[in-house]
Amino acid sequence: MPAKKSRKSDAVRQRSRHSDIQPGDPIPNRGKRRYRPGTVALREIRKYQSGTELLMRRLPFSRLT
């Protein structure tokens, strides 16, 4: 697998972003953690496959079947 090539524009963009910060400026809060698509779905699949609890209540399920 070839190595990922670095792009100069990314390095320039990051450098210019950091040069705007002055000492004493408030530190911005990071957003909520985001997982890659499918990671949470796989975690939920493992959770429901390992457990034995009912996913639907008995009466609505009996009406459905």
N, C-alpha and C. Protein backbone atom coordinates (compact mmCIF):
# COMPACT_ATOMS: atom_id res chain seq x y z
N MET A 1 0.84 -1.17 0.00
CA MET A 1 0.00 0.00 0.00
C MET A 1 0.89 1.24 0.00
N PRO A 2 0.75 2.15 -0.95
CA PRO A 2 1.63 3.31 -1.01
C PRO A 2 1.37 4.26 0.15
N ALA A 3 2.42 4.98 0.51
CA ALA A 3 2.29 5.94 1.60
C ALA A 3 1.43 7.12 1.16
N LYS A 4 0.72 7.69 2.12
CA LYS A 4 -0.15 8.83 1.82
C LYS A 4 0.71 10.06 1.57
N LYS A 5 0.46 10.75 0.47
CA LYS A 5 1.23 11.94 0.16
C LYS A 5 0.66 13.12 0.94
N SER A 6 1.56 13.92 1.50
CA SER A 6 1.09 15.10 2.22
C SER A 6 0.86 16.22 1.22
N ARG A 7 -0.14 17.01 1.50
CA ARG A 7 -0.45 18.12 0.62
C ARG A 7 0.00 19.41 1.28
N LYS A 8 0.61 20.26 0.52
CA LYS A 8 1.14 21.50 1.06
C LYS A 8 0.02 22.40 1.56
N SER A 9 -1.12 22.37 0.88
CA SER A 9 -2.21 23.26 1.26
C SER A 9 -2.70 22.98 2.68
N ASP A 10 -2.70 21.69 3.10
CA ASP A 10 -3.12 21.36 4.46
C ASP A 10 -2.16 21.94 5.48
N ALA A 11 -0.85 21.82 5.21
CA ALA A 11 0.13 22.33 6.15
C ALA A 11 0.06 23.85 6.24
N VAL A 12 -0.13 24.51 5.11
CA VAL A 12 -0.23 25.97 5.11
C VAL A 12 -1.48 26.41 5.85
N ARG A 13 -2.59 25.70 5.62
CA ARG A 13 -3.85 26.05 6.26
C ARG A 13 -3.74 25.92 7.78
N GLN A 14 -3.10 24.84 8.27
CA GLN A 14 -2.97 24.65 9.70
C GLN A 14 -2.05 25.70 10.31
N ARG A 15 -0.98 26.04 9.63
CA ARG A 15 -0.04 27.02 10.16
C ARG A 15 -0.71 28.38 10.28
N SER A 16 -1.48 28.77 9.25
CA SER A 16 -2.12 30.08 9.30
C SER A 16 -3.20 30.11 10.38
N ARG A 17 -3.84 28.97 10.64
CA ARG A 17 -4.87 28.92 11.67
C ARG A 17 -4.23 29.12 13.05
N HIS A 18 -3.05 28.52 13.28
CA HIS A 18 -2.40 28.63 14.58
C HIS A 18 -1.76 30.00 14.78
N SER A 19 -1.41 30.68 13.71
CA SER A 19 -0.78 31.98 13.88
C SER A 19 -1.77 33.05 14.31
N ASP A 20 -3.08 32.81 14.08
CA ASP A 20 -4.09 33.78 14.49
C ASP A 20 -4.36 33.75 15.99
N ILE A 21 -3.95 32.68 16.68
CA ILE A 21 -4.25 32.52 18.10
C ILE A 21 -3.27 33.35 18.91
N GLN A 22 -3.80 34.14 19.81
CA GLN A 22 -2.99 34.96 20.70
C GLN A 22 -3.02 34.35 22.10
N PRO A 23 -1.97 34.56 22.91
CA PRO A 23 -2.01 34.07 24.28
C PRO A 23 -3.15 34.74 25.05
N GLY A 24 -3.87 33.98 25.83
CA GLY A 24 -4.99 34.52 26.59
C GLY A 24 -6.32 34.36 25.89
N ASP A 25 -6.32 33.93 24.62
CA ASP A 25 -7.59 33.69 23.93
C ASP A 25 -8.27 32.48 24.56
N PRO A 26 -9.60 32.46 24.62
CA PRO A 26 -10.29 31.29 25.18
C PRO A 26 -10.10 30.07 24.28
N ILE A 27 -9.99 28.93 24.90
CA ILE A 27 -9.80 27.68 24.16
C ILE A 27 -11.17 27.21 23.69
N PRO A 28 -11.37 27.01 22.38
CA PRO A 28 -12.69 26.57 21.90
C PRO A 28 -12.99 25.15 22.35
N ASN A 29 -14.26 24.90 22.67
CA ASN A 29 -14.67 23.56 23.08
C ASN A 29 -14.79 22.69 21.85
N ARG A 30 -14.34 21.45 21.99
CA ARG A 30 -14.47 20.51 20.88
C ARG A 30 -15.88 19.97 20.87
N GLY A 31 -16.34 19.59 19.69
CA GLY A 31 -17.67 19.03 19.56
C GLY A 31 -17.75 17.64 20.15
N LYS A 32 -18.95 17.07 20.11
CA LYS A 32 -19.15 15.73 20.62
C LYS A 32 -18.41 14.73 19.73
N ARG A 33 -17.92 13.65 20.35
CA ARG A 33 -17.16 12.63 19.63
C ARG A 33 -18.03 12.00 18.56
N ARG A 34 -17.52 11.93 17.34
CA ARG A 34 -18.25 11.30 16.24
C ARG A 34 -17.48 10.07 15.77
N TYR A 35 -18.18 8.95 15.69
CA TYR A 35 -17.56 7.73 15.21
C TYR A 35 -17.76 7.61 13.71
N ARG A 36 -16.94 6.81 13.08
CA ARG A 36 -17.06 6.60 11.63
C ARG A 36 -18.37 5.87 11.34
N PRO A 37 -18.91 6.06 10.14
CA PRO A 37 -20.18 5.40 9.81
C PRO A 37 -20.07 3.88 9.93
N GLY A 38 -21.02 3.30 10.64
CA GLY A 38 -21.06 1.86 10.81
C GLY A 38 -20.48 1.37 12.12
N THR A 39 -19.65 2.16 12.79
CA THR A 39 -19.02 1.72 14.04
C THR A 39 -20.06 1.51 15.12
N VAL A 40 -20.95 2.47 15.28
CA VAL A 40 -21.99 2.38 16.31
C VAL A 40 -22.97 1.27 15.96
N ALA A 41 -23.27 1.12 14.67
CA ALA A 41 -24.19 0.06 14.25
C ALA A 41 -23.62 -1.31 14.60
N LEU A 42 -22.34 -1.52 14.35
CA LEU A 42 -21.72 -2.81 14.68
C LEU A 42 -21.72 -3.04 16.19
N ARG A 43 -21.50 -1.98 16.97
CA ARG A 43 -21.53 -2.10 18.42
C ARG A 43 -22.93 -2.50 18.90
N GLU A 44 -23.97 -1.90 18.29
CA GLU A 44 -25.34 -2.25 18.67
C GLU A 44 -25.67 -3.69 18.29
N ILE A 45 -25.20 -4.14 17.13
CA ILE A 45 -25.44 -5.52 16.71
C ILE A 45 -24.83 -6.48 17.72
N ARG A 46 -23.59 -6.23 18.14
CA ARG A 46 -22.95 -7.09 19.12
C ARG A 46 -23.71 -7.08 20.44
N LYS A 47 -24.19 -5.91 20.84
CA LYS A 47 -24.94 -5.78 22.10
C LYS A 47 -26.21 -6.62 22.07
N TYR A 48 -26.99 -6.51 20.99
CA TYR A 48 -28.26 -7.23 20.91
C TYR A 48 -28.05 -8.72 20.68
N GLN A 49 -26.98 -9.11 20.02
CA GLN A 49 -26.72 -10.54 19.81
C GLN A 49 -26.27 -11.22 21.09
N SER A 50 -25.60 -10.48 21.96
CA SER A 50 -25.10 -11.10 23.19
C SER A 50 -26.16 -11.16 24.28
N GLY A 51 -27.19 -10.30 24.20
CA GLY A 51 -28.22 -10.27 25.23
C GLY A 51 -29.38 -11.18 24.91
N THR A 52 -30.24 -11.39 25.93
CA THR A 52 -31.42 -12.24 25.75
C THR A 52 -32.72 -11.50 26.01
N GLU A 53 -32.66 -10.20 26.27
CA GLU A 53 -33.89 -9.46 26.58
C GLU A 53 -34.76 -9.33 25.34
N LEU A 54 -36.05 -9.16 25.56
CA LEU A 54 -36.99 -9.01 24.46
C LEU A 54 -36.87 -7.60 23.90
N LEU A 55 -36.86 -7.48 22.60
CA LEU A 55 -36.74 -6.17 21.96
C LEU A 55 -38.11 -5.52 21.77
N MET A 56 -39.16 -6.35 21.72
CA MET A 56 -40.54 -5.84 21.66
C MET A 56 -41.30 -6.44 22.83
N ARG A 57 -42.29 -5.72 23.34
CA ARG A 57 -43.12 -6.26 24.41
C ARG A 57 -43.97 -7.40 23.87
N ARG A 58 -44.41 -8.27 24.77
CA ARG A 58 -45.10 -9.49 24.36
C ARG A 58 -46.43 -9.22 23.65
N LEU A 59 -47.26 -8.35 24.20
CA LEU A 59 -48.59 -8.15 23.63
C LEU A 59 -48.53 -7.55 22.23
N PRO A 60 -47.79 -6.46 21.99
CA PRO A 60 -47.71 -5.97 20.61
C PRO A 60 -47.12 -7.00 19.65
N PHE A 61 -46.17 -7.80 20.12
CA PHE A 61 -45.59 -8.82 19.25
C PHE A 61 -46.62 -9.90 18.93
N SER A 62 -47.45 -10.27 19.90
CA SER A 62 -48.47 -11.29 19.64
C SER A 62 -49.52 -10.77 18.66
N ARG A 63 -49.81 -9.48 18.72
CA ARG A 63 -50.74 -8.89 17.75
C ARG A 63 -50.14 -8.89 16.36
N LEU A 64 -48.85 -8.69 16.29
CA LEU A 64 -48.16 -8.62 15.01
C LEU A 64 -48.11 -9.98 14.32
N THR A 65 -47.94 -11.04 15.13
CA THR A 65 -47.81 -12.38 14.53
C THR A 65 -49.14 -13.09 14.43
